[in-house]
Amino acid sequence: MPSDDRDQVAKRKIRKFLNRSAAGLGQPIIDLRDAATGQMTMQLVWATDDRGRPTHVIDLEQPTLDRATMNSVIVDCRVFFLAQEDCFLPGVVSALRSLLTPEQSRDRRPLVQHVGQIVNSRGLTMPEGRAPMYSGRLESDNGLGPNRLLGTDQVTMDYIYGVALHEDDERRARLENVDEESIPLAVILQLDSLLHVIHNVRRQVVHDLESGYFRLD
């Protein structure tokens, strides 16, 4: 493909990404973040004795959304983790780097690694040992192999294709190993991680655009 055509394809991806990642994306999940830290938080509720001293935990307050709201966020976010979409995050970063100088492109390698920690060709992912939470039964085969728990990325992808979209019976069956209350929490945490990465990619794209490193016209 001639370089001019490649540039136009890259610019089209950047335009679509800027449109799809505009303010308001994932707002129901963003609203669950702690205002001070910008992170998801959970709070232990303690029982107390007559003198007001904590004695034992009686509840764990965690971020939650109703299924319809959560599914709507999934629909909005799917374009960022499906490899065939123009807004697929690794593809957006590649498009950005192709519009920059070789030196600027090399300087964006950390962004490639940043995106790769949450999205790859198979969809949503998480580095080994880095998932916000794990669930499932250790004593049985979860579909990933014996003695392996399901991370937030696996639970989320299983929920998306097994429950939300009703496309994969195997994924839905695997969720039977997961505590019912853990499923929406896993999905929220994974989508929250994705939204952080989308935001960071957008900041870099806008920075490079405003700095005049490339043009979209």
C-alpha atoms as a PDB file:
ATOM      1  CA  MET A   1       0.000   0.000   0.000  1.00  0.00           C
ATOM      2  CA  PRO A   2       1.417   3.442  -0.949  1.00  0.00           C
ATOM      3  CA  SER A   3       2.530   5.571   2.001  1.00  0.00           C
ATOM      4  CA  ASP A   4      -0.168   8.188   1.337  1.00  0.00           C
ATOM      5  CA  ASP A   5      -2.850   5.499   1.508  1.00  0.00           C
ATOM      6  CA  ARG A   6      -1.360   4.076   4.722  1.00  0.00           C
ATOM      7  CA  ASP A   7      -1.394   7.551   6.252  1.00  0.00           C
ATOM      8  CA  GLN A   8      -5.056   7.986   5.353  1.00  0.00           C
ATOM      9  CA  VAL A   9      -5.951   4.633   6.929  1.00  0.00           C
ATOM     10  CA  ALA A  10      -4.029   5.601  10.067  1.00  0.00           C
ATOM     11  CA  LYS A  11      -5.730   8.986  10.231  1.00  0.00           C
ATOM     12  CA  ARG A  12      -9.142   7.372   9.827  1.00  0.00           C
ATOM     13  CA  LYS A  13      -8.398   5.131  12.809  1.00  0.00           C
ATOM     14  CA  ILE A  14      -7.279   8.106  14.889  1.00  0.00           C
ATOM     15  CA  ARG A  15     -10.421  10.091  14.013  1.00  0.00           C
ATOM     16  CA  LYS A  16     -12.694   7.177  14.928  1.00  0.00           C
ATOM     17  CA  PHE A  17     -10.793   6.623  18.158  1.00  0.00           C
ATOM     18  CA  LEU A  18     -11.108  10.272  19.174  1.00  0.00           C
ATOM     19  CA  ASN A  19     -14.842  10.182  18.462  1.00  0.00           C
ATOM     20  CA  ARG A  20     -15.466   6.929  20.352  1.00  0.00           C
ATOM     21  CA  SER A  21     -13.257   7.821  23.338  1.00  0.00           C
ATOM     22  CA  ALA A  22     -14.788  11.259  23.955  1.00  0.00           C
ATOM     23  CA  ALA A  23     -15.953  12.359  27.394  1.00  0.00           C
ATOM     24  CA  GLY A  24     -18.793  10.218  28.718  1.00  0.00           C
ATOM     25  CA  LEU A  25     -17.371   6.869  27.642  1.00  0.00           C
ATOM     26  CA  GLY A  26     -17.924   4.367  30.448  1.00  0.00           C
ATOM     27  CA  GLN A  27     -19.442   7.035  32.655  1.00  0.00           C
ATOM     28  CA  PRO A  28     -21.449   4.629  34.861  1.00  0.00           C
ATOM     29  CA  ILE A  29     -18.205   2.865  35.781  1.00  0.00           C
ATOM     30  CA  ILE A  30     -16.179   6.056  36.103  1.00  0.00           C
ATOM     31  CA  ASP A  31     -18.796   7.351  38.540  1.00  0.00           C
ATOM     32  CA  LEU A  32     -18.004   4.391  40.820  1.00  0.00           C
ATOM     33  CA  ARG A  33     -14.394   5.517  41.277  1.00  0.00           C
ATOM     34  CA  ASP A  34     -13.246   7.179  44.471  1.00  0.00           C
ATOM     35  CA  ALA A  35     -13.244  10.937  43.899  1.00  0.00           C
ATOM     36  CA  ALA A  36      -9.911  11.462  45.656  1.00  0.00           C
ATOM     37  CA  THR A  37      -7.889   8.622  44.116  1.00  0.00           C
ATOM     38  CA  GLY A  38      -9.693   7.934  40.843  1.00  0.00           C
ATOM     39  CA  GLN A  39      -9.585   4.228  41.696  1.00  0.00           C
ATOM     40  CA  MET A  40     -12.172   1.601  42.524  1.00  0.00           C
ATOM     41  CA  THR A  41     -12.513   1.065  46.266  1.00  0.00           C
ATOM     42  CA  MET A  42     -14.209  -1.459  48.538  1.00  0.00           C
ATOM     43  CA  GLN A  43     -15.113  -0.846  52.161  1.00  0.00           C
ATOM     44  CA  LEU A  44     -15.296  -3.277  55.056  1.00  0.00           C
ATOM     45  CA  VAL A  45     -18.250  -2.848  57.400  1.00  0.00           C
ATOM     46  CA  TRP A  46     -17.438  -3.834  60.996  1.00  0.00           C
ATOM     47  CA  ALA A  47     -19.654  -4.784  63.889  1.00  0.00           C
ATOM     48  CA  THR A  48     -18.744  -2.995  67.123  1.00  0.00           C
ATOM     49  CA  ASP A  49     -19.083  -3.744  70.820  1.00  0.00           C
ATOM     50  CA  ASP A  50     -20.736  -1.555  73.466  1.00  0.00           C
ATOM     51  CA  ARG A  51     -17.675   0.676  73.575  1.00  0.00           C
ATOM     52  CA  GLY A  52     -17.627   1.233  69.822  1.00  0.00           C
ATOM     53  CA  ARG A  53     -14.649  -1.008  69.174  1.00  0.00           C
ATOM     54  CA  PRO A  54     -14.701  -3.120  65.982  1.00  0.00           C
ATOM     55  CA  THR A  55     -15.180  -6.825  66.619  1.00  0.00           C
ATOM     56  CA  HIS A  56     -15.729  -8.554  63.283  1.00  0.00           C
ATOM     57  CA  VAL A  57     -16.511  -7.861  59.629  1.00  0.00           C
ATOM     58  CA  ILE A  58     -20.188  -8.088  58.731  1.00  0.00           C
ATOM     59  CA  ASP A  59     -20.168  -6.832  55.140  1.00  0.00           C
ATOM     60  CA  LEU A  60     -17.994  -5.746  52.220  1.00  0.00           C
ATOM     61  CA  GLU A  61     -19.339  -2.807  50.231  1.00  0.00           C
ATOM     62  CA  GLN A  62     -18.143  -3.071  46.643  1.00  0.00           C
ATOM     63  CA  PRO A  63     -18.848  -1.231  43.382  1.00  0.00           C
ATOM     64  CA  THR A  64     -21.871  -2.593  41.564  1.00  0.00           C
ATOM     65  CA  LEU A  65     -24.056  -1.914  38.540  1.00  0.00           C
ATOM     66  CA  ASP A  66     -27.274  -3.471  37.332  1.00  0.00           C
ATOM     67  CA  ARG A  67     -26.851  -5.888  34.444  1.00  0.00           C
ATOM     68  CA  ALA A  68     -28.450  -3.638  31.810  1.00  0.00           C
ATOM     69  CA  THR A  69     -26.101  -0.743  32.644  1.00  0.00           C
ATOM     70  CA  MET A  70     -23.067  -3.002  32.708  1.00  0.00           C
ATOM     71  CA  ASN A  71     -23.995  -4.505  29.350  1.00  0.00           C
ATOM     72  CA  SER A  72     -24.377  -1.038  27.833  1.00  0.00           C
ATOM     73  CA  VAL A  73     -20.809  -0.196  28.876  1.00  0.00           C
ATOM     74  CA  ILE A  74     -19.632  -3.448  27.290  1.00  0.00           C
ATOM     75  CA  VAL A  75     -21.295  -2.462  24.011  1.00  0.00           C
ATOM     76  CA  ASP A  76     -19.581   0.952  24.084  1.00  0.00           C
ATOM     77  CA  CYS A  77     -16.180  -0.542  24.931  1.00  0.00           C
ATOM     78  CA  ARG A  78     -16.133  -3.555  22.598  1.00  0.00           C
ATOM     79  CA  VAL A  79     -14.626  -1.554  19.736  1.00  0.00           C
ATOM     80  CA  PHE A  80     -11.478  -1.003  21.794  1.00  0.00           C
ATOM     81  CA  PHE A  81     -10.693  -4.679  22.436  1.00  0.00           C
ATOM     82  CA  LEU A  82     -11.938  -6.417  19.267  1.00  0.00           C
ATOM     83  CA  ALA A  83      -9.069  -6.872  16.805  1.00  0.00           C
ATOM     84  CA  GLN A  84     -11.259  -6.328  13.728  1.00  0.00           C
ATOM     85  CA  GLU A  85     -12.399  -2.853  14.848  1.00  0.00           C
ATOM     86  CA  ASP A  86     -10.732   0.396  13.738  1.00  0.00           C
ATOM     87  CA  CYS A  87     -10.633   1.515  17.385  1.00  0.00           C
ATOM     88  CA  PHE A  88      -8.799  -1.622  18.552  1.00  0.00           C
ATOM     89  CA  LEU A  89      -6.317  -0.078  20.981  1.00  0.00           C
ATOM     90  CA  PRO A  90      -3.108  -1.759  19.745  1.00  0.00           C
ATOM     91  CA  GLY A  91      -4.094  -0.733  16.215  1.00  0.00           C
ATOM     92  CA  VAL A  92      -4.714   2.857  17.307  1.00  0.00           C
ATOM     93  CA  VAL A  93      -1.252   3.057  18.877  1.00  0.00           C
ATOM     94  CA  SER A  94       0.295   1.572  15.734  1.00  0.00           C
ATOM     95  CA  ALA A  95      -1.571   4.134  13.637  1.00  0.00           C
ATOM     96  CA  LEU A  96      -0.327   6.956  15.853  1.00  0.00           C
ATOM     97  CA  ARG A  97       3.280   5.773  15.657  1.00  0.00           C
ATOM     98  CA  SER A  98       3.075   5.468  11.861  1.00  0.00           C
ATOM     99  CA  LEU A  99       2.241   9.179  11.617  1.00  0.00           C
ATOM    100  CA  LEU A 100       5.226  10.275  13.716  1.00  0.00           C
ATOM    101  CA  THR A 101       8.944  10.533  13.061  1.00  0.00           C
ATOM    102  CA  PRO A 102      11.046   7.388  13.699  1.00  0.00           C
ATOM    103  CA  GLU A 103      12.408   8.923  16.911  1.00  0.00           C
ATOM    104  CA  GLN A 104       8.947   9.909  18.153  1.00  0.00           C
ATOM    105  CA  SER A 105       7.665   6.455  17.289  1.00  0.00           C
ATOM    106  CA  ARG A 106      10.418   4.850  19.379  1.00  0.00           C
ATOM    107  CA  ASP A 107       9.491   7.115  22.269  1.00  0.00           C
ATOM    108  CA  ARG A 108       5.942   5.690  22.165  1.00  0.00           C
ATOM    109  CA  ARG A 109       7.092   2.107  22.850  1.00  0.00           C
ATOM    110  CA  PRO A 110       6.049   2.369  26.527  1.00  0.00           C
ATOM    111  CA  LEU A 111       2.534   3.139  25.285  1.00  0.00           C
ATOM    112  CA  VAL A 112       2.574  -0.105  23.289  1.00  0.00           C
ATOM    113  CA  GLN A 113       3.515  -2.003  26.448  1.00  0.00           C
ATOM    114  CA  HIS A 114       0.908  -0.131  28.490  1.00  0.00           C
ATOM    115  CA  VAL A 115      -1.863  -1.114  26.078  1.00  0.00           C
ATOM    116  CA  GLY A 116      -0.570  -4.684  25.806  1.00  0.00           C
ATOM    117  CA  GLN A 117      -1.132  -5.184  29.530  1.00  0.00           C
ATOM    118  CA  ILE A 118      -4.899  -4.868  29.085  1.00  0.00           C
ATOM    119  CA  VAL A 119      -5.678  -5.667  25.399  1.00  0.00           C
ATOM    120  CA  ASN A 120      -4.231  -8.182  22.965  1.00  0.00           C
ATOM    121  CA  SER A 121      -5.386 -10.042  19.845  1.00  0.00           C
ATOM    122  CA  ARG A 122      -7.613 -12.320  21.970  1.00  0.00           C
ATOM    123  CA  GLY A 123      -9.414  -9.448  23.677  1.00  0.00           C
ATOM    124  CA  LEU A 124      -9.122  -8.240  27.251  1.00  0.00           C
ATOM    125  CA  THR A 125      -6.162  -9.572  29.177  1.00  0.00           C
ATOM    126  CA  MET A 126      -4.130  -9.029  32.322  1.00  0.00           C
ATOM    127  CA  PRO A 127      -0.470  -9.865  33.072  1.00  0.00           C
ATOM    128  CA  GLU A 128       0.016 -13.076  35.039  1.00  0.00           C
ATOM    129  CA  GLY A 129      -0.390 -12.330  38.729  1.00  0.00           C
ATOM    130  CA  ARG A 130      -1.672  -8.794  38.093  1.00  0.00           C
ATOM    131  CA  ALA A 131      -5.429  -9.352  37.869  1.00  0.00           C
ATOM    132  CA  PRO A 132      -7.383  -7.295  40.440  1.00  0.00           C
ATOM    133  CA  MET A 133      -9.128 -10.468  41.607  1.00  0.00           C
ATOM    134  CA  TYR A 134      -9.361 -14.179  40.917  1.00  0.00           C
ATOM    135  CA  SER A 135     -12.299 -16.529  41.235  1.00  0.00           C
ATOM    136  CA  GLY A 136     -13.314 -20.117  40.551  1.00  0.00           C
ATOM    137  CA  ARG A 137     -12.651 -23.507  42.094  1.00  0.00           C
ATOM    138  CA  LEU A 138      -9.063 -24.575  42.613  1.00  0.00           C
ATOM    139  CA  GLU A 139      -9.955 -28.224  43.068  1.00  0.00           C
ATOM    140  CA  SER A 140     -11.507 -28.534  39.609  1.00  0.00           C
ATOM    141  CA  ASP A 141     -10.694 -27.763  36.012  1.00  0.00           C
ATOM    142  CA  ASN A 142     -12.041 -24.294  35.236  1.00  0.00           C
ATOM    143  CA  GLY A 143     -11.566 -24.801  31.534  1.00  0.00           C
ATOM    144  CA  LEU A 144      -8.071 -23.303  31.804  1.00  0.00           C
ATOM    145  CA  GLY A 145      -6.512 -26.349  33.425  1.00  0.00           C
ATOM    146  CA  PRO A 146      -6.495 -27.806  36.941  1.00  0.00           C
ATOM    147  CA  ASN A 147      -5.469 -25.648  39.905  1.00  0.00           C
ATOM    148  CA  ARG A 148      -5.917 -22.403  38.005  1.00  0.00           C
ATOM    149  CA  LEU A 149      -8.256 -19.645  39.122  1.00  0.00           C
ATOM    150  CA  LEU A 150     -10.091 -17.394  36.666  1.00  0.00           C
ATOM    151  CA  GLY A 151      -8.777 -13.831  36.592  1.00  0.00           C
ATOM    152  CA  THR A 152     -10.901 -10.741  36.033  1.00  0.00           C
ATOM    153  CA  ASP A 153      -9.961 -10.771  32.342  1.00  0.00           C
ATOM    154  CA  GLN A 154     -11.130 -14.363  31.851  1.00  0.00           C
ATOM    155  CA  VAL A 155     -14.328 -13.844  33.849  1.00  0.00           C
ATOM    156  CA  THR A 156     -15.089 -10.670  31.896  1.00  0.00           C
ATOM    157  CA  MET A 157     -14.547 -12.237  28.464  1.00  0.00           C
ATOM    158  CA  ASP A 158     -16.579 -15.271  29.543  1.00  0.00           C
ATOM    159  CA  TYR A 159     -19.388 -12.998  30.721  1.00  0.00           C
ATOM    160  CA  ILE A 160     -19.331 -10.896  27.551  1.00  0.00           C
ATOM    161  CA  TYR A 161     -19.556 -13.824  25.139  1.00  0.00           C
ATOM    162  CA  GLY A 162     -21.312 -16.342  27.355  1.00  0.00           C
ATOM    163  CA  VAL A 163     -23.945 -14.179  29.055  1.00  0.00           C
ATOM    164  CA  ALA A 164     -24.214 -10.672  27.644  1.00  0.00           C
ATOM    165  CA  LEU A 165     -24.074 -11.778  23.989  1.00  0.00           C
ATOM    166  CA  HIS A 166     -25.198 -15.430  24.371  1.00  0.00           C
ATOM    167  CA  GLU A 167     -22.621 -16.536  21.783  1.00  0.00           C
ATOM    168  CA  ASP A 168     -20.569 -19.140  23.630  1.00  0.00           C
ATOM    169  CA  ASP A 169     -22.001 -21.973  25.732  1.00  0.00           C
ATOM    170  CA  GLU A 170     -18.543 -23.073  26.886  1.00  0.00           C
ATOM    171  CA  ARG A 171     -17.790 -19.649  28.349  1.00  0.00           C
ATOM    172  CA  ARG A 172     -21.147 -19.513  30.088  1.00  0.00           C
ATOM    173  CA  ALA A 173     -20.572 -22.967  31.581  1.00  0.00           C
ATOM    174  CA  ARG A 174     -17.184 -21.897  32.926  1.00  0.00           C
ATOM    175  CA  LEU A 175     -18.856 -19.138  34.929  1.00  0.00           C
ATOM    176  CA  GLU A 176     -20.707 -21.782  36.917  1.00  0.00           C
ATOM    177  CA  ASN A 177     -17.424 -22.155  38.849  1.00  0.00           C
ATOM    178  CA  VAL A 178     -17.568 -18.482  39.860  1.00  0.00           C
ATOM    179  CA  ASP A 179     -19.475 -17.025  42.791  1.00  0.00           C
ATOM    180  CA  GLU A 180     -22.450 -15.141  41.345  1.00  0.00           C
ATOM    181  CA  GLU A 181     -21.630 -11.899  43.168  1.00  0.00           C
ATOM    182  CA  SER A 182     -18.032 -12.005  41.949  1.00  0.00           C
ATOM    183  CA  ILE A 183     -18.957 -11.876  38.270  1.00  0.00           C
ATOM    184  CA  PRO A 184     -20.210  -8.266  38.050  1.00  0.00           C
ATOM    185  CA  LEU A 185     -17.338  -7.111  40.274  1.00  0.00           C
ATOM    186  CA  ALA A 186     -14.804  -8.775  37.980  1.00  0.00           C
ATOM    187  CA  VAL A 187     -16.413  -7.200  34.894  1.00  0.00           C
ATOM    188  CA  ILE A 188     -16.476  -3.742  36.493  1.00  0.00           C
ATOM    189  CA  LEU A 189     -12.829  -3.957  37.583  1.00  0.00           C
ATOM    190  CA  GLN A 190     -11.666  -5.175  34.165  1.00  0.00           C
ATOM    191  CA  LEU A 191     -13.625  -2.519  32.271  1.00  0.00           C
ATOM    192  CA  ASP A 192     -12.337   0.120  34.683  1.00  0.00           C
ATOM    193  CA  SER A 193      -8.759  -0.933  33.858  1.00  0.00           C
ATOM    194  CA  LEU A 194      -9.605  -0.741  30.160  1.00  0.00           C
ATOM    195  CA  LEU A 195     -11.079   2.750  30.552  1.00  0.00           C
ATOM    196  CA  HIS A 196      -7.910   3.969  32.279  1.00  0.00           C
ATOM    197  CA  VAL A 197      -5.831   2.739  29.331  1.00  0.00           C
ATOM    198  CA  ILE A 198      -8.212   4.270  26.771  1.00  0.00           C
ATOM    199  CA  HIS A 199      -7.908   7.586  28.602  1.00  0.00           C
ATOM    200  CA  ASN A 200      -4.103   7.411  28.568  1.00  0.00           C
ATOM    201  CA  VAL A 201      -3.974   6.606  24.853  1.00  0.00           C
ATOM    202  CA  ARG A 202      -6.333   9.485  24.142  1.00  0.00           C
ATOM    203  CA  ARG A 203      -4.136  11.872  26.152  1.00  0.00           C
ATOM    204  CA  GLN A 204      -1.103  10.871  24.085  1.00  0.00           C
ATOM    205  CA  VAL A 205      -2.953  11.197  20.782  1.00  0.00           C
ATOM    206  CA  VAL A 206      -4.306  14.633  21.715  1.00  0.00           C
ATOM    207  CA  HIS A 207      -0.872  15.738  22.946  1.00  0.00           C
ATOM    208  CA  ASP A 208       0.827  14.720  19.693  1.00  0.00           C
ATOM    209  CA  LEU A 209      -1.915  16.278  17.612  1.00  0.00           C
ATOM    210  CA  GLU A 210      -1.841  19.586  19.510  1.00  0.00           C
ATOM    211  CA  SER A 211       1.963  19.605  19.381  1.00  0.00           C
ATOM    212  CA  GLY A 212       1.780  19.511  15.600  1.00  0.00           C
ATOM    213  CA  TYR A 213       3.528  16.163  15.301  1.00  0.00           C
ATOM    214  CA  PHE A 214       0.882  15.099  12.773  1.00  0.00           C
ATOM    215  CA  ARG A 215      -2.312  16.471  11.231  1.00  0.00           C
ATOM    216  CA  LEU A 216      -5.697  14.906  10.576  1.00  0.00           C
ATOM    217  CA  ASP A 217      -6.797  17.166   7.715  1.00  0.00           C
END
